[in-house]
Amino acid sequence: GYVYAQNGEVLGGGFSKAHAEKIANLYKKAGATGTPVIGILDSLGARVGEGVGCLEGYAKLLSCVAGFSGVAPQVCVVAGNACGVVSSVASLCDVTFALKNACVSTLSPSVMSGKENSRLSGEKLIGAEHALESGIATKIVDEDELKANILKFLELTVVENEGEVSDENGNGDIAQGVNGLDLVKLVADNGEYFEMYEGYGKNVTTALIKLGGFKVGVASTSGKLSTKELKKIARFEQLLES
């Protein structure tokens, strides 16, 4: 896969037109080979000295991310701050992992706190939990869990050696009265799954699994369906079609 990362320790990870050019070149190479792209975000926004040139860079970045949809899986990791326009990348990718100290917003944490006139810090208002509950983040993970989660997602989305049957625990008998996630575990080969958007629309469970060796997506309901649940299913279906 192809990976790009912002360095939050250099000028706050300030985004520039030059960054956009490098990332666009990476997407061009990934598109030519149908290779997954992983983006690691840690930026407080645009570099002030860039002026309007940075807007051109933002447009190029978002165009690359949106245009890559359906070509190969896109993974976003919010390793720190994803502030300003770059926060849209987290929403556009197929799966977004947020580390526990992550912040995702078009505004910086300090500006957000002032705008809301809140006693809570901006980090609390636009932190990882908020990203999870709003559907932007797929999962909140620790650093030592990140690699395993990325590999699990790619294993269940990148088509390779499809059809190799493996079901050691024999899920022929489906239990009665189980919740959505329990049902997913029972259906999946070896009970293994990767849940998508777990903090959003909680009356629906959406997950990637292997079923008889084939990679499939499953949506399981366990309560009343609201707008959030329907949006969650629609977003999941869009991922499966890509």
C-alpha atoms as a PDB file:
ATOM      1  CA  GLY A   1       0.000   0.000   0.000  1.00  0.00           C
ATOM      2  CA  TYR A   2       0.891   3.690  -0.257  1.00  0.00           C
ATOM      3  CA  VAL A   3       1.203   5.797   2.907  1.00  0.00           C
ATOM      4  CA  TYR A   4       1.461   9.529   3.499  1.00  0.00           C
ATOM      5  CA  ALA A   5       1.762  11.238   6.883  1.00  0.00           C
ATOM      6  CA  GLN A   6       1.665  14.753   8.273  1.00  0.00           C
ATOM      7  CA  ASN A   7       4.247  15.645  10.909  1.00  0.00           C
ATOM      8  CA  GLY A   8       2.493  17.508  13.705  1.00  0.00           C
ATOM      9  CA  GLU A   9       5.829  18.403  15.286  1.00  0.00           C
ATOM     10  CA  VAL A  10       6.859  20.634  12.352  1.00  0.00           C
ATOM     11  CA  LEU A  11       4.887  23.903  12.230  1.00  0.00           C
ATOM     12  CA  GLY A  12       1.922  22.107  13.769  1.00  0.00           C
ATOM     13  CA  GLY A  13       1.693  19.909  10.687  1.00  0.00           C
ATOM     14  CA  GLY A  14       0.745  23.013   8.704  1.00  0.00           C
ATOM     15  CA  PHE A  15      -0.672  22.102   5.295  1.00  0.00           C
ATOM     16  CA  SER A  16       0.818  23.626   2.136  1.00  0.00           C
ATOM     17  CA  LYS A  17       0.477  23.424  -1.625  1.00  0.00           C
ATOM     18  CA  ALA A  18       3.723  21.423  -1.741  1.00  0.00           C
ATOM     19  CA  HIS A  19       2.143  18.810   0.562  1.00  0.00           C
ATOM     20  CA  ALA A  20      -0.801  18.521  -1.815  1.00  0.00           C
ATOM     21  CA  GLU A  21       1.502  17.980  -4.794  1.00  0.00           C
ATOM     22  CA  LYS A  22       3.322  15.130  -3.042  1.00  0.00           C
ATOM     23  CA  ILE A  23       0.079  13.471  -1.955  1.00  0.00           C
ATOM     24  CA  ALA A  24      -1.438  13.871  -5.444  1.00  0.00           C
ATOM     25  CA  ASN A  25       1.586  12.134  -6.939  1.00  0.00           C
ATOM     26  CA  LEU A  26       1.131   9.274  -4.470  1.00  0.00           C
ATOM     27  CA  TYR A  27      -2.543   8.918  -5.425  1.00  0.00           C
ATOM     28  CA  LYS A  28      -1.620   8.856  -9.107  1.00  0.00           C
ATOM     29  CA  LYS A  29       0.722   5.909  -8.527  1.00  0.00           C
ATOM     30  CA  ALA A  30      -1.795   4.115  -6.287  1.00  0.00           C
ATOM     31  CA  GLY A  31      -4.548   4.568  -8.868  1.00  0.00           C
ATOM     32  CA  ALA A  32      -2.423   3.081 -11.624  1.00  0.00           C
ATOM     33  CA  THR A  33      -1.980  -0.143  -9.679  1.00  0.00           C
ATOM     34  CA  GLY A  34      -5.226  -0.247  -7.666  1.00  0.00           C
ATOM     35  CA  THR A  35      -3.243  -0.155  -4.424  1.00  0.00           C
ATOM     36  CA  PRO A  36      -4.773   0.920  -1.059  1.00  0.00           C
ATOM     37  CA  VAL A  37      -3.822   4.323   0.371  1.00  0.00           C
ATOM     38  CA  ILE A  38      -3.279   5.081   4.059  1.00  0.00           C
ATOM     39  CA  GLY A  39      -3.246   8.716   5.200  1.00  0.00           C
ATOM     40  CA  ILE A  40      -2.016   9.728   8.665  1.00  0.00           C
ATOM     41  CA  LEU A  41      -3.369  13.146   9.667  1.00  0.00           C
ATOM     42  CA  ASP A  42      -1.889  15.480  12.265  1.00  0.00           C
ATOM     43  CA  SER A  43      -2.334  19.114  11.282  1.00  0.00           C
ATOM     44  CA  LEU A  44      -3.721  22.300  12.808  1.00  0.00           C
ATOM     45  CA  GLY A  45      -4.584  23.653   9.364  1.00  0.00           C
ATOM     46  CA  ALA A  46      -3.058  25.697   6.584  1.00  0.00           C
ATOM     47  CA  ARG A  47       0.254  27.514   6.775  1.00  0.00           C
ATOM     48  CA  VAL A  48      -0.503  31.235   7.031  1.00  0.00           C
ATOM     49  CA  GLY A  49       2.337  32.166   4.681  1.00  0.00           C
ATOM     50  CA  GLU A  50       0.848  30.067   1.880  1.00  0.00           C
ATOM     51  CA  GLY A  51      -1.961  32.514   1.166  1.00  0.00           C
ATOM     52  CA  VAL A  52      -4.512  31.567  -1.477  1.00  0.00           C
ATOM     53  CA  GLY A  53      -2.100  28.985  -2.886  1.00  0.00           C
ATOM     54  CA  CYS A  54      -3.047  26.713  -0.018  1.00  0.00           C
ATOM     55  CA  LEU A  55      -6.673  26.725  -1.188  1.00  0.00           C
ATOM     56  CA  GLU A  56      -5.513  25.257  -4.479  1.00  0.00           C
ATOM     57  CA  GLY A  57      -3.660  22.594  -2.496  1.00  0.00           C
ATOM     58  CA  TYR A  58      -6.748  21.746  -0.468  1.00  0.00           C
ATOM     59  CA  ALA A  59      -8.809  21.435  -3.654  1.00  0.00           C
ATOM     60  CA  LYS A  60      -6.239  19.060  -5.143  1.00  0.00           C
ATOM     61  CA  LEU A  61      -6.117  16.926  -1.983  1.00  0.00           C
ATOM     62  CA  LEU A  62      -9.890  16.564  -1.662  1.00  0.00           C
ATOM     63  CA  SER A  63     -10.194  15.871  -5.392  1.00  0.00           C
ATOM     64  CA  CYS A  64      -7.673  13.027  -5.075  1.00  0.00           C
ATOM     65  CA  VAL A  65      -9.405  11.479  -2.069  1.00  0.00           C
ATOM     66  CA  ALA A  66     -12.902  11.751  -3.558  1.00  0.00           C
ATOM     67  CA  GLY A  67     -11.778  10.584  -7.002  1.00  0.00           C
ATOM     68  CA  PHE A  68     -10.065   7.516  -5.556  1.00  0.00           C
ATOM     69  CA  SER A  69     -13.340   6.162  -4.204  1.00  0.00           C
ATOM     70  CA  GLY A  70     -14.070   2.832  -5.840  1.00  0.00           C
ATOM     71  CA  VAL A  71     -10.479   2.355  -7.030  1.00  0.00           C
ATOM     72  CA  ALA A  72      -9.036   0.770  -3.877  1.00  0.00           C
ATOM     73  CA  PRO A  73      -9.617   1.007  -0.110  1.00  0.00           C
ATOM     74  CA  GLN A  74      -8.660   4.259   1.614  1.00  0.00           C
ATOM     75  CA  VAL A  75      -7.666   4.262   5.277  1.00  0.00           C
ATOM     76  CA  CYS A  76      -7.392   7.424   7.370  1.00  0.00           C
ATOM     77  CA  VAL A  77      -5.628   7.605  10.725  1.00  0.00           C
ATOM     78  CA  VAL A  78      -6.174  10.719  12.842  1.00  0.00           C
ATOM     79  CA  ALA A  79      -3.013  10.642  14.921  1.00  0.00           C
ATOM     80  CA  GLY A  80      -3.493  14.041  16.541  1.00  0.00           C
ATOM     81  CA  ASN A  81      -5.286  17.090  15.149  1.00  0.00           C
ATOM     82  CA  ALA A  82      -7.215  17.094  11.895  1.00  0.00           C
ATOM     83  CA  CYS A  83      -8.275  20.724  11.832  1.00  0.00           C
ATOM     84  CA  GLY A  84      -9.457  22.880   8.960  1.00  0.00           C
ATOM     85  CA  VAL A  85     -10.292  21.620   5.498  1.00  0.00           C
ATOM     86  CA  VAL A  86      -8.043  18.576   5.954  1.00  0.00           C
ATOM     87  CA  SER A  87     -10.605  17.225   8.433  1.00  0.00           C
ATOM     88  CA  SER A  88     -12.800  16.423   5.408  1.00  0.00           C
ATOM     89  CA  VAL A  89     -10.334  13.679   4.462  1.00  0.00           C
ATOM     90  CA  ALA A  90     -11.422  11.749   7.566  1.00  0.00           C
ATOM     91  CA  SER A  91     -15.027  11.833   6.347  1.00  0.00           C
ATOM     92  CA  LEU A  92     -14.218  10.853   2.755  1.00  0.00           C
ATOM     93  CA  CYS A  93     -12.088   7.768   3.448  1.00  0.00           C
ATOM     94  CA  ASP A  94     -13.586   4.281   3.641  1.00  0.00           C
ATOM     95  CA  VAL A  95     -12.445   3.744   7.212  1.00  0.00           C
ATOM     96  CA  THR A  96     -11.067   6.214   9.776  1.00  0.00           C
ATOM     97  CA  PHE A  97      -9.202   5.234  12.915  1.00  0.00           C
ATOM     98  CA  ALA A  98      -8.866   7.882  15.623  1.00  0.00           C
ATOM     99  CA  LEU A  99      -6.220   7.639  18.300  1.00  0.00           C
ATOM    100  CA  LYS A 100      -7.466   8.546  21.761  1.00  0.00           C
ATOM    101  CA  ASN A 101      -5.908  12.041  21.649  1.00  0.00           C
ATOM    102  CA  ALA A 102      -7.394  12.848  18.225  1.00  0.00           C
ATOM    103  CA  CYS A 103      -9.359  15.998  17.369  1.00  0.00           C
ATOM    104  CA  VAL A 104     -11.392  16.308  14.176  1.00  0.00           C
ATOM    105  CA  SER A 105     -13.011  19.620  13.219  1.00  0.00           C
ATOM    106  CA  THR A 106     -12.995  22.442  10.704  1.00  0.00           C
ATOM    107  CA  LEU A 107     -12.052  24.642  13.688  1.00  0.00           C
ATOM    108  CA  SER A 108      -9.076  24.390  16.031  1.00  0.00           C
ATOM    109  CA  PRO A 109      -9.700  23.110  19.590  1.00  0.00           C
ATOM    110  CA  SER A 110      -9.220  26.576  21.157  1.00  0.00           C
ATOM    111  CA  VAL A 111     -11.543  28.289  18.661  1.00  0.00           C
ATOM    112  CA  MET A 112     -14.161  25.579  19.130  1.00  0.00           C
ATOM    113  CA  SER A 113     -14.139  25.978  22.898  1.00  0.00           C
ATOM    114  CA  GLY A 114     -14.587  29.749  22.595  1.00  0.00           C
ATOM    115  CA  LYS A 115     -17.312  29.466  19.983  1.00  0.00           C
ATOM    116  CA  GLU A 116     -19.341  27.081  22.117  1.00  0.00           C
ATOM    117  CA  ASN A 117     -18.691  29.237  25.214  1.00  0.00           C
ATOM    118  CA  SER A 118     -17.966  26.008  26.986  1.00  0.00           C
ATOM    119  CA  ARG A 119     -16.058  25.193  30.149  1.00  0.00           C
ATOM    120  CA  LEU A 120     -14.936  22.025  28.428  1.00  0.00           C
ATOM    121  CA  SER A 121     -11.713  22.095  26.476  1.00  0.00           C
ATOM    122  CA  GLY A 122     -11.839  22.040  22.707  1.00  0.00           C
ATOM    123  CA  GLU A 123     -10.209  18.616  22.818  1.00  0.00           C
ATOM    124  CA  LYS A 124     -13.273  17.302  24.675  1.00  0.00           C
ATOM    125  CA  LEU A 125     -15.744  18.973  22.311  1.00  0.00           C
ATOM    126  CA  ILE A 126     -14.169  17.735  19.079  1.00  0.00           C
ATOM    127  CA  GLY A 127     -12.185  14.777  20.383  1.00  0.00           C
ATOM    128  CA  ALA A 128     -12.146  11.133  19.400  1.00  0.00           C
ATOM    129  CA  GLU A 129     -15.428  10.288  21.153  1.00  0.00           C
ATOM    130  CA  HIS A 130     -17.216  13.044  19.227  1.00  0.00           C
ATOM    131  CA  ALA A 131     -15.746  11.754  15.958  1.00  0.00           C
ATOM    132  CA  LEU A 132     -16.972   8.247  16.793  1.00  0.00           C
ATOM    133  CA  GLU A 133     -20.494   9.313  17.758  1.00  0.00           C
ATOM    134  CA  SER A 134     -20.870  11.545  14.683  1.00  0.00           C
ATOM    135  CA  GLY A 135     -19.878   8.718  12.352  1.00  0.00           C
ATOM    136  CA  ILE A 136     -16.610  10.284  11.173  1.00  0.00           C
ATOM    137  CA  ALA A 137     -14.392   7.774  12.991  1.00  0.00           C
ATOM    138  CA  THR A 138     -14.934   4.055  12.483  1.00  0.00           C
ATOM    139  CA  LYS A 139     -13.043   3.099  15.626  1.00  0.00           C
ATOM    140  CA  ILE A 140     -11.029   4.649  18.462  1.00  0.00           C
ATOM    141  CA  VAL A 141      -7.818   2.692  18.928  1.00  0.00           C
ATOM    142  CA  ASP A 142      -4.603   2.745  20.922  1.00  0.00           C
ATOM    143  CA  GLU A 143      -1.319   3.033  19.052  1.00  0.00           C
ATOM    144  CA  ASP A 144      -0.502  -0.620  19.727  1.00  0.00           C
ATOM    145  CA  GLU A 145      -3.885  -1.671  18.275  1.00  0.00           C
ATOM    146  CA  LEU A 146      -3.642   0.427  15.126  1.00  0.00           C
ATOM    147  CA  LYS A 147      -1.626  -1.892  12.886  1.00  0.00           C
ATOM    148  CA  ALA A 148      -3.782  -4.931  13.620  1.00  0.00           C
ATOM    149  CA  ASN A 149      -6.972  -2.987  12.859  1.00  0.00           C
ATOM    150  CA  ILE A 150      -5.650  -1.657   9.552  1.00  0.00           C
ATOM    151  CA  LEU A 151      -4.504  -5.112   8.492  1.00  0.00           C
ATOM    152  CA  LYS A 152      -7.860  -6.632   9.452  1.00  0.00           C
ATOM    153  CA  PHE A 153      -9.761  -4.047   7.395  1.00  0.00           C
ATOM    154  CA  LEU A 154      -7.528  -4.534   4.346  1.00  0.00           C
ATOM    155  CA  GLU A 155      -7.758  -8.319   4.690  1.00  0.00           C
ATOM    156  CA  LEU A 156     -11.544  -8.074   4.401  1.00  0.00           C
ATOM    157  CA  THR A 157     -11.655  -5.530   1.564  1.00  0.00           C
ATOM    158  CA  VAL A 158      -8.737  -6.292  -0.766  1.00  0.00           C
ATOM    159  CA  VAL A 159      -9.786  -9.122  -3.088  1.00  0.00           C
ATOM    160  CA  GLU A 160      -7.163 -11.868  -2.936  1.00  0.00           C
ATOM    161  CA  ASN A 161      -7.523 -15.662  -2.807  1.00  0.00           C
ATOM    162  CA  GLU A 162     -11.289 -15.309  -2.487  1.00  0.00           C
ATOM    163  CA  GLY A 163     -13.284 -18.435  -1.799  1.00  0.00           C
ATOM    164  CA  GLU A 164     -10.935 -20.319   0.533  1.00  0.00           C
ATOM    165  CA  VAL A 165     -13.378 -21.824   3.005  1.00  0.00           C
ATOM    166  CA  SER A 166     -12.441 -21.648   6.660  1.00  0.00           C
ATOM    167  CA  ASP A 167     -15.052 -22.100   9.370  1.00  0.00           C
ATOM    168  CA  GLU A 168     -13.523 -23.967  12.253  1.00  0.00           C
ATOM    169  CA  ASN A 169     -16.235 -23.177  14.770  1.00  0.00           C
ATOM    170  CA  GLY A 170     -19.103 -24.357  12.490  1.00  0.00           C
ATOM    171  CA  ASN A 171     -21.733 -21.614  12.532  1.00  0.00           C
ATOM    172  CA  GLY A 172     -24.542 -23.786  11.256  1.00  0.00           C
ATOM    173  CA  ASP A 173     -26.765 -23.222  14.290  1.00  0.00           C
ATOM    174  CA  ILE A 174     -27.973 -19.663  14.745  1.00  0.00           C
ATOM    175  CA  ALA A 175     -29.024 -18.859  18.303  1.00  0.00           C
ATOM    176  CA  GLN A 176     -32.300 -17.218  19.155  1.00  0.00           C
ATOM    177  CA  GLY A 177     -32.622 -13.839  20.872  1.00  0.00           C
ATOM    178  CA  VAL A 178     -29.117 -12.561  20.132  1.00  0.00           C
ATOM    179  CA  ASN A 179     -28.239  -8.933  19.451  1.00  0.00           C
ATOM    180  CA  GLY A 180     -26.903  -7.617  16.155  1.00  0.00           C
ATOM    181  CA  LEU A 181     -23.216  -8.080  16.933  1.00  0.00           C
ATOM    182  CA  ASP A 182     -23.735 -11.556  18.393  1.00  0.00           C
ATOM    183  CA  LEU A 183     -25.514 -12.556  15.182  1.00  0.00           C
ATOM    184  CA  VAL A 184     -22.628 -11.246  13.076  1.00  0.00           C
ATOM    185  CA  LYS A 185     -20.188 -13.343  15.124  1.00  0.00           C
ATOM    186  CA  LEU A 186     -22.342 -16.439  14.702  1.00  0.00           C
ATOM    187  CA  VAL A 187     -22.596 -16.044  10.929  1.00  0.00           C
ATOM    188  CA  ALA A 188     -18.961 -15.108  10.259  1.00  0.00           C
ATOM    189  CA  ASP A 189     -16.311 -17.727   9.504  1.00  0.00           C
ATOM    190  CA  ASN A 190     -14.484 -18.460  12.763  1.00  0.00           C
ATOM    191  CA  GLY A 191     -16.512 -15.691  14.404  1.00  0.00           C
ATOM    192  CA  GLU A 192     -14.114 -13.063  13.008  1.00  0.00           C
ATOM    193  CA  TYR A 193     -15.432  -9.668  11.908  1.00  0.00           C
ATOM    194  CA  PHE A 194     -14.493  -6.020  11.467  1.00  0.00           C
ATOM    195  CA  GLU A 195     -17.214  -3.656  12.683  1.00  0.00           C
ATOM    196  CA  MET A 196     -17.748  -0.392  10.797  1.00  0.00           C
ATOM    197  CA  TYR A 197     -19.032   2.907  12.298  1.00  0.00           C
ATOM    198  CA  GLU A 198     -19.674   1.261  15.673  1.00  0.00           C
ATOM    199  CA  GLY A 199     -20.409   4.510  17.533  1.00  0.00           C
ATOM    200  CA  TYR A 200     -23.060   5.777  15.101  1.00  0.00           C
ATOM    201  CA  GLY A 201     -26.605   4.504  14.597  1.00  0.00           C
ATOM    202  CA  LYS A 202     -26.217   1.861  17.290  1.00  0.00           C
ATOM    203  CA  ASN A 203     -29.419  -0.044  16.471  1.00  0.00           C
ATOM    204  CA  VAL A 204     -27.709  -1.355  13.340  1.00  0.00           C
ATOM    205  CA  THR A 205     -24.479  -3.346  13.276  1.00  0.00           C
ATOM    206  CA  THR A 206     -22.486  -3.129  10.040  1.00  0.00           C
ATOM    207  CA  ALA A 207     -19.474  -5.385   9.648  1.00  0.00           C
ATOM    208  CA  LEU A 208     -17.068  -6.963   7.172  1.00  0.00           C
ATOM    209  CA  ILE A 209     -16.793 -10.733   7.473  1.00  0.00           C
ATOM    210  CA  LYS A 210     -15.841 -13.877   5.598  1.00  0.00           C
ATOM    211  CA  LEU A 211     -18.761 -16.172   4.843  1.00  0.00           C
ATOM    212  CA  GLY A 212     -17.783 -19.567   3.466  1.00  0.00           C
ATOM    213  CA  GLY A 213     -14.440 -18.060   2.546  1.00  0.00           C
ATOM    214  CA  PHE A 214     -15.955 -15.133   0.618  1.00  0.00           C
ATOM    215  CA  LYS A 215     -15.578 -11.531   1.781  1.00  0.00           C
ATOM    216  CA  VAL A 216     -18.983  -9.970   2.365  1.00  0.00           C
ATOM    217  CA  GLY A 217     -20.634  -7.125   4.247  1.00  0.00           C
ATOM    218  CA  VAL A 218     -23.447  -7.700   6.709  1.00  0.00           C
ATOM    219  CA  ALA A 219     -25.937  -5.333   8.331  1.00  0.00           C
ATOM    220  CA  SER A 220     -27.887  -6.571  11.342  1.00  0.00           C
ATOM    221  CA  THR A 221     -30.650  -4.629  13.101  1.00  0.00           C
ATOM    222  CA  SER A 222     -31.404  -4.876  16.809  1.00  0.00           C
ATOM    223  CA  GLY A 223     -33.911  -2.095  17.401  1.00  0.00           C
ATOM    224  CA  LYS A 224     -35.870   0.717  15.790  1.00  0.00           C
ATOM    225  CA  LEU A 225     -34.380   2.372  12.720  1.00  0.00           C
ATOM    226  CA  SER A 226     -33.871   6.134  12.790  1.00  0.00           C
ATOM    227  CA  THR A 227     -32.265   8.481  10.258  1.00  0.00           C
ATOM    228  CA  LYS A 228     -28.842   7.656  11.710  1.00  0.00           C
ATOM    229  CA  GLU A 229     -29.284   3.915  11.208  1.00  0.00           C
ATOM    230  CA  LEU A 230     -30.470   4.382   7.615  1.00  0.00           C
ATOM    231  CA  LYS A 231     -27.558   6.709   6.824  1.00  0.00           C
ATOM    232  CA  LYS A 232     -25.198   4.161   8.357  1.00  0.00           C
ATOM    233  CA  ILE A 233     -26.533   1.370   6.136  1.00  0.00           C
ATOM    234  CA  ALA A 234     -26.379   3.596   3.035  1.00  0.00           C
ATOM    235  CA  ARG A 235     -22.770   4.569   3.753  1.00  0.00           C
ATOM    236  CA  PHE A 236     -21.843   0.936   4.313  1.00  0.00           C
ATOM    237  CA  GLU A 237     -23.507  -0.109   1.056  1.00  0.00           C
ATOM    238  CA  GLN A 238     -21.568   2.601  -0.775  1.00  0.00           C
ATOM    239  CA  LEU A 239     -18.314   1.161   0.628  1.00  0.00           C
ATOM    240  CA  LEU A 240     -19.242  -2.340  -0.566  1.00  0.00           C
ATOM    241  CA  GLU A 241     -20.018  -1.080  -4.069  1.00  0.00           C
ATOM    242  CA  SER A 242     -16.639   0.648  -4.377  1.00  0.00           C
END
